[in-house]
Amino acid sequence: MAVAVTRAGAILAVADFARSLAFYRDRLGFEVEALYEDPPYATLTCTGTRLSLAEQGHRAEDRPGVDLLAPADPSRLAAILVLEVEDCLRAHDQLSQAGVPFLAEPYSPPWGGHRCFAVDPDGNLIELEQPA
């Protein structure tokens, strides 16, 4: 029997909470749903998806033995955040002009569409994907 999921999301550990909050809110357009101060934590939403930011080291009683850490080596990640966009080339241009770093220019795979990979302030990858 499958679980009845009502919304999916992820929690990212971040080294500089204010910097990461500004990036996801101001550059990528996520809306702040909830904001907490001690320890710094935010729940953001975008098109029904939840993304939470937790300052690294954030501990929780119901997660015993687990420390959240921003990537120590951005070339070795466990996950990539994928954001589907209507116009990948335009999104790349807008974000590049705003100072968001990318790994490379947008790629147009043979099956159609476009994609590119932005880098957040902690080195997490964000794939901007325009489906075929």
C-alpha atoms as a PDB file:
ATOM      1  CA  MET A   1       0.000   0.000   0.000  1.00  0.00           C
ATOM      2  CA  ALA A   2       1.445   3.363  -1.039  1.00  0.00           C
ATOM      3  CA  VAL A   3       1.562   6.394   1.225  1.00  0.00           C
ATOM      4  CA  ALA A   4      -0.751   9.268   0.222  1.00  0.00           C
ATOM      5  CA  VAL A   5       1.807  12.060  -0.269  1.00  0.00           C
ATOM      6  CA  THR A   6       0.316  15.560  -0.312  1.00  0.00           C
ATOM      7  CA  ARG A   7       3.470  17.556  -1.139  1.00  0.00           C
ATOM      8  CA  ALA A   8       7.132  16.755  -1.750  1.00  0.00           C
ATOM      9  CA  GLY A   9      10.166  18.736  -0.719  1.00  0.00           C
ATOM     10  CA  ALA A  10      13.739  18.742   0.442  1.00  0.00           C
ATOM     11  CA  ILE A  11      15.868  20.316   3.172  1.00  0.00           C
ATOM     12  CA  LEU A  12      19.205  21.844   2.200  1.00  0.00           C
ATOM     13  CA  ALA A  13      21.912  22.539   4.749  1.00  0.00           C
ATOM     14  CA  VAL A  14      23.469  25.944   4.106  1.00  0.00           C
ATOM     15  CA  ALA A  15      26.613  27.567   5.483  1.00  0.00           C
ATOM     16  CA  ASP A  16      25.317  31.156   5.430  1.00  0.00           C
ATOM     17  CA  PHE A  17      21.580  31.156   6.076  1.00  0.00           C
ATOM     18  CA  ALA A  18      20.861  34.796   5.133  1.00  0.00           C
ATOM     19  CA  ARG A  19      22.839  34.520   1.886  1.00  0.00           C
ATOM     20  CA  SER A  20      21.071  31.314   0.848  1.00  0.00           C
ATOM     21  CA  LEU A  21      17.641  32.631   1.791  1.00  0.00           C
ATOM     22  CA  ALA A  22      18.236  35.714  -0.376  1.00  0.00           C
ATOM     23  CA  PHE A  23      19.432  33.525  -3.267  1.00  0.00           C
ATOM     24  CA  TYR A  24      16.418  31.211  -3.327  1.00  0.00           C
ATOM     25  CA  ARG A  25      13.912  33.995  -2.618  1.00  0.00           C
ATOM     26  CA  ASP A  26      15.310  36.838  -4.721  1.00  0.00           C
ATOM     27  CA  ARG A  27      17.082  35.040  -7.583  1.00  0.00           C
ATOM     28  CA  LEU A  28      14.962  31.911  -8.058  1.00  0.00           C
ATOM     29  CA  GLY A  29      11.597  33.293  -6.965  1.00  0.00           C
ATOM     30  CA  PHE A  30      10.743  30.953  -4.094  1.00  0.00           C
ATOM     31  CA  GLU A  31       8.221  32.375  -1.635  1.00  0.00           C
ATOM     32  CA  VAL A  32       8.892  32.298   2.106  1.00  0.00           C
ATOM     33  CA  GLU A  33       6.217  30.217   3.814  1.00  0.00           C
ATOM     34  CA  ALA A  34       7.793  30.155   7.282  1.00  0.00           C
ATOM     35  CA  LEU A  35      10.891  31.667   8.859  1.00  0.00           C
ATOM     36  CA  TYR A  36      12.473  30.699  12.187  1.00  0.00           C
ATOM     37  CA  GLU A  37      15.387  32.313  14.017  1.00  0.00           C
ATOM     38  CA  ASP A  38      16.815  29.846  16.528  1.00  0.00           C
ATOM     39  CA  PRO A  39      18.231  27.909  14.817  1.00  0.00           C
ATOM     40  CA  PRO A  40      17.889  29.680  11.448  1.00  0.00           C
ATOM     41  CA  TYR A  41      15.449  27.734   9.265  1.00  0.00           C
ATOM     42  CA  ALA A  42      13.093  28.646   6.446  1.00  0.00           C
ATOM     43  CA  THR A  43      10.424  26.844   4.497  1.00  0.00           C
ATOM     44  CA  LEU A  44      10.096  28.113   0.937  1.00  0.00           C
ATOM     45  CA  THR A  45       7.614  27.150  -1.759  1.00  0.00           C
ATOM     46  CA  CYS A  46       7.566  27.233  -5.531  1.00  0.00           C
ATOM     47  CA  THR A  47       4.748  25.793  -7.642  1.00  0.00           C
ATOM     48  CA  GLY A  48       3.588  23.603  -4.771  1.00  0.00           C
ATOM     49  CA  THR A  49       7.026  22.203  -3.956  1.00  0.00           C
ATOM     50  CA  ARG A  50       8.589  22.786  -0.569  1.00  0.00           C
ATOM     51  CA  LEU A  51      12.263  23.601  -0.103  1.00  0.00           C
ATOM     52  CA  SER A  52      13.573  24.180   3.378  1.00  0.00           C
ATOM     53  CA  LEU A  53      16.890  25.802   4.272  1.00  0.00           C
ATOM     54  CA  ALA A  54      18.587  24.858   7.526  1.00  0.00           C
ATOM     55  CA  GLU A  55      21.762  26.474   8.780  1.00  0.00           C
ATOM     56  CA  GLN A  56      24.368  23.736   8.856  1.00  0.00           C
ATOM     57  CA  GLY A  57      24.723  21.971  12.159  1.00  0.00           C
ATOM     58  CA  HIS A  58      20.947  22.221  12.681  1.00  0.00           C
ATOM     59  CA  ARG A  59      19.968  19.379  14.975  1.00  0.00           C
ATOM     60  CA  ALA A  60      16.538  18.027  15.747  1.00  0.00           C
ATOM     61  CA  GLU A  61      15.468  15.674  18.518  1.00  0.00           C
ATOM     62  CA  ASP A  62      13.620  13.448  16.061  1.00  0.00           C
ATOM     63  CA  ARG A  63      16.753  13.109  13.851  1.00  0.00           C
ATOM     64  CA  PRO A  64      19.179  11.717  16.434  1.00  0.00           C
ATOM     65  CA  GLY A  65      22.759  11.397  15.261  1.00  0.00           C
ATOM     66  CA  VAL A  66      22.228  13.371  12.030  1.00  0.00           C
ATOM     67  CA  ASP A  67      24.016  16.677  11.404  1.00  0.00           C
ATOM     68  CA  LEU A  68      23.052  18.707   8.365  1.00  0.00           C
ATOM     69  CA  LEU A  69      26.122  20.052   6.552  1.00  0.00           C
ATOM     70  CA  ALA A  70      26.538  22.171   3.438  1.00  0.00           C
ATOM     71  CA  PRO A  71      28.587  20.378   0.766  1.00  0.00           C
ATOM     72  CA  ALA A  72      32.273  20.294   1.710  1.00  0.00           C
ATOM     73  CA  ASP A  73      33.186  19.428  -1.882  1.00  0.00           C
ATOM     74  CA  PRO A  74      30.767  20.847  -4.483  1.00  0.00           C
ATOM     75  CA  SER A  75      32.121  18.388  -7.071  1.00  0.00           C
ATOM     76  CA  ARG A  76      30.626  15.513  -5.049  1.00  0.00           C
ATOM     77  CA  LEU A  77      26.906  15.926  -4.364  1.00  0.00           C
ATOM     78  CA  ALA A  78      24.180  13.537  -3.272  1.00  0.00           C
ATOM     79  CA  ALA A  79      21.362  15.356  -5.091  1.00  0.00           C
ATOM     80  CA  ILE A  80      20.542  18.048  -7.642  1.00  0.00           C
ATOM     81  CA  LEU A  81      17.558  20.372  -7.322  1.00  0.00           C
ATOM     82  CA  VAL A  82      15.625  20.346 -10.634  1.00  0.00           C
ATOM     83  CA  LEU A  83      13.479  23.335 -11.590  1.00  0.00           C
ATOM     84  CA  GLU A  84      11.385  23.008 -14.723  1.00  0.00           C
ATOM     85  CA  VAL A  85      11.133  26.312 -16.600  1.00  0.00           C
ATOM     86  CA  GLU A  86       9.250  27.459 -19.684  1.00  0.00           C
ATOM     87  CA  ASP A  87      12.289  29.102 -21.305  1.00  0.00           C
ATOM     88  CA  CYS A  88      15.665  27.769 -20.171  1.00  0.00           C
ATOM     89  CA  LEU A  89      17.702  30.083 -22.397  1.00  0.00           C
ATOM     90  CA  ARG A  90      15.935  33.168 -21.053  1.00  0.00           C
ATOM     91  CA  ALA A  91      16.237  31.938 -17.438  1.00  0.00           C
ATOM     92  CA  HIS A  92      19.966  31.347 -17.982  1.00  0.00           C
ATOM     93  CA  ASP A  93      20.409  34.872 -19.370  1.00  0.00           C
ATOM     94  CA  GLN A  94      18.434  36.496 -16.541  1.00  0.00           C
ATOM     95  CA  LEU A  95      20.228  34.617 -13.785  1.00  0.00           C
ATOM     96  CA  SER A  96      23.654  35.098 -15.385  1.00  0.00           C
ATOM     97  CA  GLN A  97      23.042  38.846 -15.543  1.00  0.00           C
ATOM     98  CA  ALA A  98      22.069  38.731 -11.861  1.00  0.00           C
ATOM     99  CA  GLY A  99      25.427  37.135 -11.032  1.00  0.00           C
ATOM    100  CA  VAL A 100      24.317  33.525 -10.574  1.00  0.00           C
ATOM    101  CA  PRO A 101      27.181  31.202 -11.602  1.00  0.00           C
ATOM    102  CA  PHE A 102      26.619  28.337 -14.066  1.00  0.00           C
ATOM    103  CA  LEU A 103      28.762  25.288 -14.812  1.00  0.00           C
ATOM    104  CA  ALA A 104      28.432  25.764 -18.593  1.00  0.00           C
ATOM    105  CA  GLU A 105      26.272  27.316 -21.274  1.00  0.00           C
ATOM    106  CA  PRO A 106      22.807  25.783 -21.821  1.00  0.00           C
ATOM    107  CA  TYR A 107      22.784  22.382 -23.486  1.00  0.00           C
ATOM    108  CA  SER A 108      20.263  21.273 -26.114  1.00  0.00           C
ATOM    109  CA  PRO A 109      20.124  17.453 -26.027  1.00  0.00           C
ATOM    110  CA  PRO A 110      19.227  15.546 -29.217  1.00  0.00           C
ATOM    111  CA  TRP A 111      15.799  14.600 -27.781  1.00  0.00           C
ATOM    112  CA  GLY A 112      14.847  18.276 -27.498  1.00  0.00           C
ATOM    113  CA  GLY A 113      14.457  20.926 -24.861  1.00  0.00           C
ATOM    114  CA  HIS A 114      17.269  22.706 -23.044  1.00  0.00           C
ATOM    115  CA  ARG A 115      18.998  22.465 -19.684  1.00  0.00           C
ATOM    116  CA  CYS A 116      21.741  24.153 -17.709  1.00  0.00           C
ATOM    117  CA  PHE A 117      23.176  23.913 -14.212  1.00  0.00           C
ATOM    118  CA  ALA A 118      23.324  26.874 -11.832  1.00  0.00           C
ATOM    119  CA  VAL A 119      25.313  26.817  -8.608  1.00  0.00           C
ATOM    120  CA  ASP A 120      23.851  28.083  -5.326  1.00  0.00           C
ATOM    121  CA  PRO A 121      25.993  29.895  -2.703  1.00  0.00           C
ATOM    122  CA  ASP A 122      26.965  26.572  -1.075  1.00  0.00           C
ATOM    123  CA  GLY A 123      27.839  24.765  -4.289  1.00  0.00           C
ATOM    124  CA  ASN A 124      24.568  22.831  -4.633  1.00  0.00           C
ATOM    125  CA  LEU A 125      23.559  22.306  -8.254  1.00  0.00           C
ATOM    126  CA  ILE A 126      20.259  23.548  -9.610  1.00  0.00           C
ATOM    127  CA  GLU A 127      19.238  22.152 -12.971  1.00  0.00           C
ATOM    128  CA  LEU A 128      17.042  24.487 -14.996  1.00  0.00           C
ATOM    129  CA  GLU A 129      15.194  22.228 -17.404  1.00  0.00           C
ATOM    130  CA  GLN A 130      12.970  23.095 -20.337  1.00  0.00           C
ATOM    131  CA  PRO A 131      11.369  19.822 -21.465  1.00  0.00           C
ATOM    132  CA  ALA A 132      11.071  18.989 -25.165  1.00  0.00           C
END
